[in-house]
N, C-alpha and C. Protein backbone atom coordinates (compact mmCIF):
# COMPACT_ATOMS: atom_id res chain seq x y z
N MET A 1 -21.13 35.37 -1.41
CA MET A 1 -20.05 35.40 -2.37
C MET A 1 -19.58 36.83 -2.57
N ILE A 2 -18.33 36.97 -2.73
CA ILE A 2 -17.75 38.29 -3.00
C ILE A 2 -17.83 38.52 -4.51
N ARG A 3 -18.39 39.65 -4.87
CA ARG A 3 -18.54 39.98 -6.29
C ARG A 3 -17.44 40.93 -6.72
N TYR A 4 -16.98 40.72 -7.93
CA TYR A 4 -16.02 41.64 -8.54
C TYR A 4 -16.79 42.76 -9.23
N PRO A 5 -16.14 43.88 -9.45
CA PRO A 5 -16.79 44.94 -10.23
C PRO A 5 -17.11 44.42 -11.63
N PRO A 6 -18.17 44.92 -12.24
CA PRO A 6 -18.56 44.45 -13.58
C PRO A 6 -17.44 44.58 -14.61
N SER A 7 -16.54 45.51 -14.41
CA SER A 7 -15.47 45.72 -15.39
C SER A 7 -14.38 44.65 -15.32
N MET A 8 -14.37 43.84 -14.27
CA MET A 8 -13.35 42.79 -14.12
C MET A 8 -13.88 41.46 -14.61
N GLU A 9 -13.07 40.78 -15.40
CA GLU A 9 -13.43 39.44 -15.85
C GLU A 9 -12.75 38.41 -14.95
N THR A 10 -13.51 37.43 -14.49
CA THR A 10 -12.96 36.36 -13.67
C THR A 10 -13.51 35.03 -14.15
N GLU A 11 -12.75 33.99 -13.90
CA GLU A 11 -13.20 32.66 -14.28
C GLU A 11 -14.05 32.10 -13.14
N GLU A 12 -15.23 31.63 -13.46
CA GLU A 12 -16.12 31.05 -12.46
C GLU A 12 -15.71 29.60 -12.21
N VAL A 13 -15.44 29.25 -10.96
CA VAL A 13 -15.10 27.88 -10.60
C VAL A 13 -16.41 27.17 -10.26
N PRO A 14 -16.69 26.03 -10.89
CA PRO A 14 -17.94 25.32 -10.62
C PRO A 14 -18.10 25.00 -9.13
N LEU A 15 -19.33 25.04 -8.65
CA LEU A 15 -19.63 24.82 -7.24
C LEU A 15 -19.08 23.49 -6.74
N GLU A 16 -19.22 22.44 -7.52
CA GLU A 16 -18.73 21.12 -7.09
C GLU A 16 -17.21 21.13 -6.87
N VAL A 17 -16.49 21.81 -7.74
CA VAL A 17 -15.03 21.91 -7.60
C VAL A 17 -14.68 22.72 -6.36
N ARG A 18 -15.38 23.84 -6.16
CA ARG A 18 -15.13 24.66 -4.97
C ARG A 18 -15.39 23.88 -3.70
N ASN A 19 -16.51 23.18 -3.67
CA ASN A 19 -16.86 22.40 -2.47
C ASN A 19 -15.81 21.34 -2.18
N ARG A 20 -15.35 20.63 -3.19
CA ARG A 20 -14.33 19.59 -3.00
C ARG A 20 -13.05 20.20 -2.44
N GLN A 21 -12.64 21.34 -3.00
CA GLN A 21 -11.42 22.00 -2.52
C GLN A 21 -11.57 22.47 -1.08
N VAL A 22 -12.73 23.02 -0.75
CA VAL A 22 -12.97 23.52 0.61
C VAL A 22 -12.97 22.37 1.61
N VAL A 23 -13.68 21.29 1.30
CA VAL A 23 -13.76 20.16 2.22
C VAL A 23 -12.38 19.56 2.44
N ARG A 24 -11.63 19.37 1.38
CA ARG A 24 -10.28 18.81 1.53
C ARG A 24 -9.38 19.73 2.34
N GLY A 25 -9.49 21.02 2.09
CA GLY A 25 -8.69 21.98 2.85
C GLY A 25 -9.05 21.99 4.33
N LEU A 26 -10.35 21.96 4.64
CA LEU A 26 -10.77 21.94 6.04
C LEU A 26 -10.36 20.64 6.73
N ALA A 27 -10.47 19.52 6.01
CA ALA A 27 -10.07 18.23 6.59
C ALA A 27 -8.58 18.23 6.91
N THR A 28 -7.78 18.75 6.01
CA THR A 28 -6.34 18.83 6.26
C THR A 28 -6.06 19.75 7.44
N ARG A 29 -6.80 20.84 7.51
CA ARG A 29 -6.62 21.77 8.63
C ARG A 29 -6.96 21.10 9.96
N ILE A 30 -8.02 20.29 9.99
CA ILE A 30 -8.38 19.56 11.20
C ILE A 30 -7.23 18.65 11.62
N ARG A 31 -6.66 17.90 10.66
CA ARG A 31 -5.54 17.01 10.97
C ARG A 31 -4.36 17.79 11.55
N ILE A 32 -4.03 18.90 10.95
CA ILE A 32 -2.91 19.72 11.42
C ILE A 32 -3.18 20.24 12.83
N LEU A 33 -4.41 20.68 13.09
CA LEU A 33 -4.77 21.14 14.44
C LEU A 33 -4.67 20.00 15.45
N TYR A 34 -5.18 18.83 15.09
CA TYR A 34 -5.09 17.67 15.99
C TYR A 34 -3.63 17.36 16.31
N GLU A 35 -2.79 17.33 15.29
CA GLU A 35 -1.38 17.02 15.51
C GLU A 35 -0.74 18.04 16.44
N ALA A 36 -1.09 19.31 16.27
CA ALA A 36 -0.53 20.36 17.14
C ALA A 36 -1.03 20.19 18.58
N ILE A 37 -2.30 19.84 18.75
CA ILE A 37 -2.86 19.62 20.08
C ILE A 37 -2.14 18.47 20.77
N VAL A 38 -1.94 17.36 20.05
CA VAL A 38 -1.28 16.20 20.64
C VAL A 38 0.19 16.50 20.91
N GLU A 39 0.84 17.23 20.00
CA GLU A 39 2.24 17.58 20.22
C GLU A 39 2.40 18.44 21.48
N LYS A 40 1.47 19.36 21.69
CA LYS A 40 1.58 20.26 22.83
C LYS A 40 1.10 19.62 24.14
N PHE A 41 0.03 18.82 24.07
CA PHE A 41 -0.60 18.33 25.30
C PHE A 41 -0.52 16.82 25.50
N GLY A 42 0.02 16.08 24.54
CA GLY A 42 0.18 14.64 24.70
C GLY A 42 -1.14 13.91 24.88
N ASP A 43 -1.18 13.00 25.86
CA ASP A 43 -2.38 12.19 26.11
C ASP A 43 -3.58 13.05 26.48
N GLU A 44 -3.36 14.16 27.18
CA GLU A 44 -4.46 15.07 27.50
C GLU A 44 -5.05 15.67 26.23
N GLY A 45 -4.21 15.92 25.24
CA GLY A 45 -4.68 16.42 23.96
C GLY A 45 -5.54 15.39 23.24
N LEU A 46 -5.11 14.13 23.27
CA LEU A 46 -5.92 13.06 22.68
C LEU A 46 -7.27 12.96 23.37
N GLU A 47 -7.25 13.08 24.70
CA GLU A 47 -8.51 13.01 25.45
C GLU A 47 -9.42 14.19 25.08
N LEU A 48 -8.84 15.36 24.88
CA LEU A 48 -9.62 16.53 24.45
C LEU A 48 -10.27 16.27 23.09
N ILE A 49 -9.52 15.72 22.15
CA ILE A 49 -10.07 15.40 20.83
C ILE A 49 -11.20 14.38 20.97
N ARG A 50 -11.01 13.36 21.81
CA ARG A 50 -12.06 12.36 22.04
C ARG A 50 -13.32 13.02 22.62
N ASP A 51 -13.12 13.86 23.63
CA ASP A 51 -14.27 14.50 24.28
C ASP A 51 -15.05 15.38 23.31
N VAL A 52 -14.34 16.20 22.56
CA VAL A 52 -15.01 17.09 21.60
C VAL A 52 -15.70 16.27 20.52
N SER A 53 -15.04 15.24 20.02
CA SER A 53 -15.63 14.40 18.98
C SER A 53 -16.86 13.66 19.51
N ARG A 54 -16.77 13.14 20.73
CA ARG A 54 -17.91 12.44 21.33
C ARG A 54 -19.09 13.40 21.51
N ASP A 55 -18.81 14.58 22.04
CA ASP A 55 -19.88 15.56 22.24
C ASP A 55 -20.56 15.92 20.92
N TYR A 56 -19.75 16.08 19.87
CA TYR A 56 -20.31 16.43 18.56
C TYR A 56 -21.18 15.29 18.03
N GLY A 57 -20.69 14.05 18.11
CA GLY A 57 -21.48 12.91 17.65
C GLY A 57 -22.78 12.77 18.42
N GLU A 58 -22.71 12.96 19.74
CA GLU A 58 -23.92 12.87 20.56
C GLU A 58 -24.91 13.98 20.20
N SER A 59 -24.42 15.17 19.91
CA SER A 59 -25.33 16.28 19.58
C SER A 59 -26.03 16.03 18.24
N ILE A 60 -25.31 15.47 17.28
CA ILE A 60 -25.94 15.13 16.00
C ILE A 60 -27.00 14.05 16.23
N ALA A 61 -26.64 13.02 16.98
CA ALA A 61 -27.57 11.92 17.24
C ALA A 61 -28.84 12.42 17.94
N ARG A 62 -28.70 13.32 18.90
CA ARG A 62 -29.89 13.87 19.59
C ARG A 62 -30.81 14.58 18.60
N ARG A 63 -30.23 15.41 17.75
CA ARG A 63 -31.06 16.14 16.78
C ARG A 63 -31.77 15.18 15.83
N VAL A 64 -31.06 14.17 15.36
CA VAL A 64 -31.66 13.21 14.42
C VAL A 64 -32.72 12.37 15.13
N ARG A 65 -32.44 11.92 16.34
CA ARG A 65 -33.43 11.10 17.08
C ARG A 65 -34.66 11.89 17.44
N ASP A 66 -34.49 13.17 17.75
CA ASP A 66 -35.66 14.01 18.03
C ASP A 66 -36.58 14.07 16.82
N ARG A 67 -36.00 14.05 15.65
CA ARG A 67 -36.75 14.14 14.41
C ARG A 67 -37.23 12.77 13.93
N GLU A 68 -36.37 11.74 14.02
CA GLU A 68 -36.63 10.44 13.40
C GLU A 68 -36.98 9.33 14.39
N GLY A 69 -36.64 9.51 15.67
CA GLY A 69 -36.78 8.42 16.62
C GLY A 69 -35.60 7.47 16.51
N LYS A 70 -35.68 6.36 17.24
CA LYS A 70 -34.61 5.35 17.19
C LYS A 70 -34.54 4.76 15.79
N MET A 71 -33.34 4.71 15.23
CA MET A 71 -33.17 4.25 13.86
C MET A 71 -32.71 2.79 13.83
N GLU A 72 -33.19 2.07 12.84
CA GLU A 72 -32.75 0.70 12.63
C GLU A 72 -31.36 0.70 12.00
N ILE A 73 -30.70 -0.44 12.02
CA ILE A 73 -29.32 -0.53 11.54
C ILE A 73 -29.18 -0.03 10.10
N ALA A 74 -30.13 -0.36 9.23
CA ALA A 74 -30.03 0.08 7.83
C ALA A 74 -30.06 1.60 7.74
N ASP A 75 -30.96 2.23 8.50
CA ASP A 75 -31.05 3.69 8.49
C ASP A 75 -29.79 4.33 9.05
N VAL A 76 -29.23 3.73 10.10
CA VAL A 76 -27.98 4.24 10.67
C VAL A 76 -26.86 4.11 9.63
N GLY A 77 -26.82 2.98 8.94
CA GLY A 77 -25.81 2.78 7.91
C GLY A 77 -25.90 3.83 6.81
N HIS A 78 -27.12 4.08 6.34
CA HIS A 78 -27.31 5.11 5.31
C HIS A 78 -26.88 6.48 5.82
N PHE A 79 -27.19 6.77 7.08
CA PHE A 79 -26.82 8.07 7.64
C PHE A 79 -25.30 8.22 7.72
N VAL A 80 -24.61 7.18 8.18
CA VAL A 80 -23.15 7.25 8.28
C VAL A 80 -22.52 7.39 6.89
N VAL A 81 -23.06 6.68 5.90
CA VAL A 81 -22.55 6.84 4.53
C VAL A 81 -22.73 8.29 4.08
N ARG A 82 -23.86 8.88 4.41
CA ARG A 82 -24.09 10.29 4.05
C ARG A 82 -23.06 11.20 4.72
N VAL A 83 -22.77 10.94 5.99
CA VAL A 83 -21.75 11.72 6.71
C VAL A 83 -20.40 11.57 6.00
N PHE A 84 -20.03 10.33 5.67
CA PHE A 84 -18.76 10.09 4.99
C PHE A 84 -18.73 10.79 3.63
N ASN A 85 -19.83 10.73 2.89
CA ASN A 85 -19.87 11.39 1.59
C ASN A 85 -19.71 12.91 1.73
N ASN A 86 -20.19 13.46 2.83
CA ASN A 86 -20.05 14.91 3.04
C ASN A 86 -18.59 15.33 3.20
N VAL A 87 -17.73 14.43 3.68
CA VAL A 87 -16.31 14.76 3.80
C VAL A 87 -15.48 14.07 2.72
N LEU A 88 -16.17 13.63 1.66
CA LEU A 88 -15.53 13.10 0.46
C LEU A 88 -14.70 11.85 0.71
N VAL A 89 -15.20 10.96 1.56
CA VAL A 89 -14.53 9.67 1.76
C VAL A 89 -14.68 8.86 0.48
N GLU A 90 -13.58 8.34 -0.03
CA GLU A 90 -13.60 7.47 -1.21
C GLU A 90 -13.70 6.03 -0.74
N GLY A 91 -14.60 5.25 -1.32
CA GLY A 91 -14.71 3.86 -0.93
C GLY A 91 -16.01 3.25 -1.36
N GLU A 92 -16.45 2.22 -0.60
CA GLU A 92 -17.67 1.50 -0.96
C GLU A 92 -18.22 0.77 0.26
N VAL A 93 -19.51 0.49 0.20
CA VAL A 93 -20.14 -0.36 1.20
C VAL A 93 -19.86 -1.80 0.79
N THR A 94 -19.22 -2.57 1.66
CA THR A 94 -18.86 -3.95 1.32
C THR A 94 -19.78 -4.98 1.96
N GLU A 95 -20.48 -4.58 3.02
CA GLU A 95 -21.47 -5.45 3.66
C GLU A 95 -22.64 -4.57 4.09
N PHE A 96 -23.85 -5.09 3.92
CA PHE A 96 -25.02 -4.33 4.35
C PHE A 96 -26.15 -5.32 4.61
N ASP A 97 -26.25 -5.79 5.84
CA ASP A 97 -27.35 -6.67 6.19
C ASP A 97 -27.90 -6.27 7.56
N GLU A 98 -28.79 -7.06 8.09
CA GLU A 98 -29.48 -6.67 9.33
C GLU A 98 -28.63 -6.80 10.59
N ASP A 99 -27.43 -7.36 10.46
CA ASP A 99 -26.55 -7.49 11.62
C ASP A 99 -25.25 -6.71 11.52
N ARG A 100 -24.83 -6.40 10.29
CA ARG A 100 -23.51 -5.77 10.13
C ARG A 100 -23.47 -4.95 8.84
N ILE A 101 -22.89 -3.77 8.97
CA ILE A 101 -22.64 -2.90 7.82
C ILE A 101 -21.16 -2.57 7.85
N ALA A 102 -20.49 -2.74 6.71
CA ALA A 102 -19.07 -2.42 6.62
C ALA A 102 -18.86 -1.42 5.49
N ILE A 103 -18.13 -0.36 5.81
CA ILE A 103 -17.83 0.68 4.83
C ILE A 103 -16.32 0.72 4.66
N LYS A 104 -15.88 0.44 3.45
CA LYS A 104 -14.45 0.41 3.13
C LYS A 104 -14.05 1.78 2.58
N ALA A 105 -13.08 2.40 3.22
CA ALA A 105 -12.55 3.68 2.76
C ALA A 105 -11.14 3.44 2.22
N THR A 106 -10.94 3.80 0.96
CA THR A 106 -9.66 3.52 0.32
C THR A 106 -8.65 4.64 0.51
N ALA A 107 -9.11 5.77 1.00
CA ALA A 107 -8.21 6.90 1.29
C ALA A 107 -8.83 7.73 2.40
N CYS A 108 -7.99 8.25 3.26
CA CYS A 108 -8.47 9.08 4.37
C CYS A 108 -8.59 10.52 3.89
N PRO A 109 -9.74 11.16 4.10
CA PRO A 109 -9.88 12.54 3.65
C PRO A 109 -9.09 13.53 4.49
N TYR A 110 -8.57 13.09 5.64
CA TYR A 110 -7.93 14.07 6.54
C TYR A 110 -6.47 14.38 6.24
N PRO A 111 -5.61 13.66 5.78
CA PRO A 111 -5.36 12.22 5.90
C PRO A 111 -4.53 11.94 7.16
N PHE A 112 -5.10 11.15 8.05
CA PHE A 112 -4.43 10.84 9.31
C PHE A 112 -3.27 9.88 9.09
N THR A 113 -2.19 10.09 9.83
CA THR A 113 -1.07 9.15 9.84
C THR A 113 -0.92 8.51 11.22
N SER A 114 -1.50 9.12 12.23
CA SER A 114 -1.42 8.62 13.60
C SER A 114 -2.67 7.80 13.92
N PRO A 115 -2.51 6.51 14.25
CA PRO A 115 -3.67 5.71 14.64
C PRO A 115 -4.40 6.29 15.85
N GLU A 116 -3.65 6.85 16.79
CA GLU A 116 -4.27 7.39 18.01
C GLU A 116 -5.14 8.60 17.69
N ILE A 117 -4.66 9.46 16.81
CA ILE A 117 -5.46 10.63 16.43
C ILE A 117 -6.69 10.19 15.64
N CYS A 118 -6.53 9.24 14.74
CA CYS A 118 -7.66 8.71 13.97
C CYS A 118 -8.73 8.16 14.92
N GLU A 119 -8.30 7.34 15.87
CA GLU A 119 -9.25 6.74 16.81
C GLU A 119 -9.93 7.80 17.67
N ALA A 120 -9.19 8.82 18.09
CA ALA A 120 -9.80 9.89 18.87
C ALA A 120 -10.83 10.64 18.03
N HIS A 121 -10.49 10.92 16.78
CA HIS A 121 -11.40 11.64 15.88
C HIS A 121 -12.68 10.84 15.63
N THR A 122 -12.55 9.54 15.39
CA THR A 122 -13.72 8.73 15.05
C THR A 122 -14.56 8.36 16.27
N THR A 123 -14.21 8.91 17.42
CA THR A 123 -15.12 8.82 18.56
C THR A 123 -16.45 9.48 18.20
N MET A 124 -16.42 10.43 17.27
CA MET A 124 -17.65 11.08 16.81
C MET A 124 -18.58 10.06 16.18
N GLU A 125 -18.07 9.24 15.26
CA GLU A 125 -18.91 8.25 14.59
C GLU A 125 -19.43 7.22 15.59
N GLU A 126 -18.56 6.83 16.52
CA GLU A 126 -18.98 5.87 17.55
C GLU A 126 -20.14 6.44 18.37
N ALA A 127 -20.02 7.68 18.81
CA ALA A 127 -21.08 8.32 19.60
C ALA A 127 -22.33 8.52 18.76
N LEU A 128 -22.15 8.85 17.50
CA LEU A 128 -23.29 9.05 16.60
C LEU A 128 -24.08 7.75 16.45
N VAL A 129 -23.39 6.66 16.13
CA VAL A 129 -24.06 5.37 15.93
C VAL A 129 -24.78 4.94 17.20
N ARG A 130 -24.09 4.99 18.33
CA ARG A 130 -24.71 4.56 19.60
C ARG A 130 -25.85 5.49 20.00
N GLY A 131 -25.74 6.77 19.64
CA GLY A 131 -26.81 7.71 19.94
C GLY A 131 -28.04 7.50 19.08
N LEU A 132 -27.85 7.01 17.86
CA LEU A 132 -28.98 6.75 16.97
C LEU A 132 -29.68 5.45 17.33
N ASN A 133 -28.91 4.50 17.88
CA ASN A 133 -29.48 3.22 18.31
C ASN A 133 -28.52 2.59 19.31
N GLU A 134 -28.90 2.61 20.57
CA GLU A 134 -28.01 2.12 21.64
C GLU A 134 -27.74 0.62 21.55
N ASP A 135 -28.45 -0.10 20.69
CA ASP A 135 -28.21 -1.53 20.50
C ASP A 135 -27.13 -1.80 19.45
N LEU A 136 -26.58 -0.72 18.88
CA LEU A 136 -25.57 -0.87 17.84
C LEU A 136 -24.20 -0.46 18.36
N ASP A 137 -23.19 -0.96 17.69
CA ASP A 137 -21.81 -0.62 18.02
C ASP A 137 -21.12 -0.16 16.75
N TYR A 138 -20.04 0.59 16.91
CA TYR A 138 -19.24 1.08 15.78
C TYR A 138 -17.77 0.89 16.13
N PHE A 139 -17.01 0.40 15.19
CA PHE A 139 -15.56 0.30 15.39
C PHE A 139 -14.87 0.29 14.04
N ILE A 140 -13.56 0.54 14.08
CA ILE A 140 -12.75 0.50 12.87
C ILE A 140 -11.97 -0.81 12.89
N GLU A 141 -12.35 -1.71 12.00
CA GLU A 141 -11.74 -3.03 11.95
C GLU A 141 -10.36 -3.00 11.29
N ARG A 142 -10.22 -2.19 10.25
CA ARG A 142 -8.93 -2.02 9.57
C ARG A 142 -8.69 -0.52 9.43
N SER A 143 -7.41 -0.13 9.42
CA SER A 143 -7.10 1.29 9.48
C SER A 143 -5.82 1.61 8.70
N ILE A 144 -5.91 2.57 7.80
CA ILE A 144 -4.73 3.01 7.05
C ILE A 144 -3.64 3.51 7.99
N PRO A 145 -3.98 4.33 9.01
CA PRO A 145 -2.91 4.78 9.92
C PRO A 145 -2.25 3.64 10.71
N ARG A 146 -2.95 2.51 10.86
CA ARG A 146 -2.34 1.35 11.53
C ARG A 146 -1.55 0.48 10.56
N GLY A 147 -1.51 0.87 9.28
CA GLY A 147 -0.73 0.13 8.30
C GLY A 147 -1.53 -0.72 7.33
N ASP A 148 -2.85 -0.74 7.47
CA ASP A 148 -3.68 -1.51 6.55
C ASP A 148 -3.80 -0.75 5.22
N PRO A 149 -4.14 -1.46 4.14
CA PRO A 149 -4.26 -0.79 2.84
C PRO A 149 -5.54 0.04 2.70
N PHE A 150 -6.48 -0.13 3.62
CA PHE A 150 -7.73 0.63 3.61
C PHE A 150 -8.29 0.65 5.02
N CYS A 151 -9.30 1.49 5.21
CA CYS A 151 -10.02 1.51 6.49
C CYS A 151 -11.33 0.76 6.31
N LEU A 152 -11.74 0.03 7.34
CA LEU A 152 -13.02 -0.66 7.32
C LEU A 152 -13.79 -0.23 8.56
N HIS A 153 -14.81 0.58 8.33
CA HIS A 153 -15.67 1.08 9.40
C HIS A 153 -16.85 0.12 9.52
N VAL A 154 -17.11 -0.36 10.73
CA VAL A 154 -18.13 -1.39 10.93
C VAL A 154 -19.20 -0.89 11.91
N ILE A 155 -20.44 -1.09 11.51
CA ILE A 155 -21.60 -0.88 12.38
C ILE A 155 -22.22 -2.26 12.56
N CYS A 156 -22.46 -2.65 13.81
CA CYS A 156 -23.03 -3.98 14.04
C CYS A 156 -23.89 -3.97 15.29
N ARG A 157 -24.65 -5.03 15.43
CA ARG A 157 -25.44 -5.20 16.66
C ARG A 157 -24.50 -5.57 17.79
N LYS A 158 -24.81 -5.10 18.99
CA LYS A 158 -23.98 -5.43 20.17
C LYS A 158 -24.17 -6.88 20.53
C-alpha cells in the first residue's frame, strides 16, 4: 500500500469495498480486451481466447489435483462456486446432487454481450471441471449474452 505523509488526512476505503471495485474493474478490462482481440483478429482471436482460457483452467486443475487428487462432483461444485465468488458472480446454486450441479448467475461480472466471447472465456471452467474429474462435464445451459434472463452453469456426469 502506498502511504501518505502523516500530515495528510485521507479517508480509508474498507478492504471489502476496494476488493469489489478492483475485481469489477479487472473483469470489465478483460471484456474490453477480449472485444479488441476479436475485433482485430476475428475467429483467430476467439481461438486465442479459448486456448488461453483452456490452458489456465488446466493449470489450476493440475495444481488442485496434485494437492487433492481426483475430486468428486460435490467437491468440484464447491470449487467452482468458490471461483465464481472470487469474481463476484451474483446468483445461487439451484441444483446440487450426485449427478448434476447447476449454478444460476443473475448478472455477468464481465459483463459479456457476445455469446461467442462468453463461450470462449468459459473454456476455462470447462477445462477446470474436466481436469478435476474427467468423468464430469461442464456447459452453459442458459446465457445472458444469448438473450436468456440469467446464466445457468451446469456440472454433470458424462
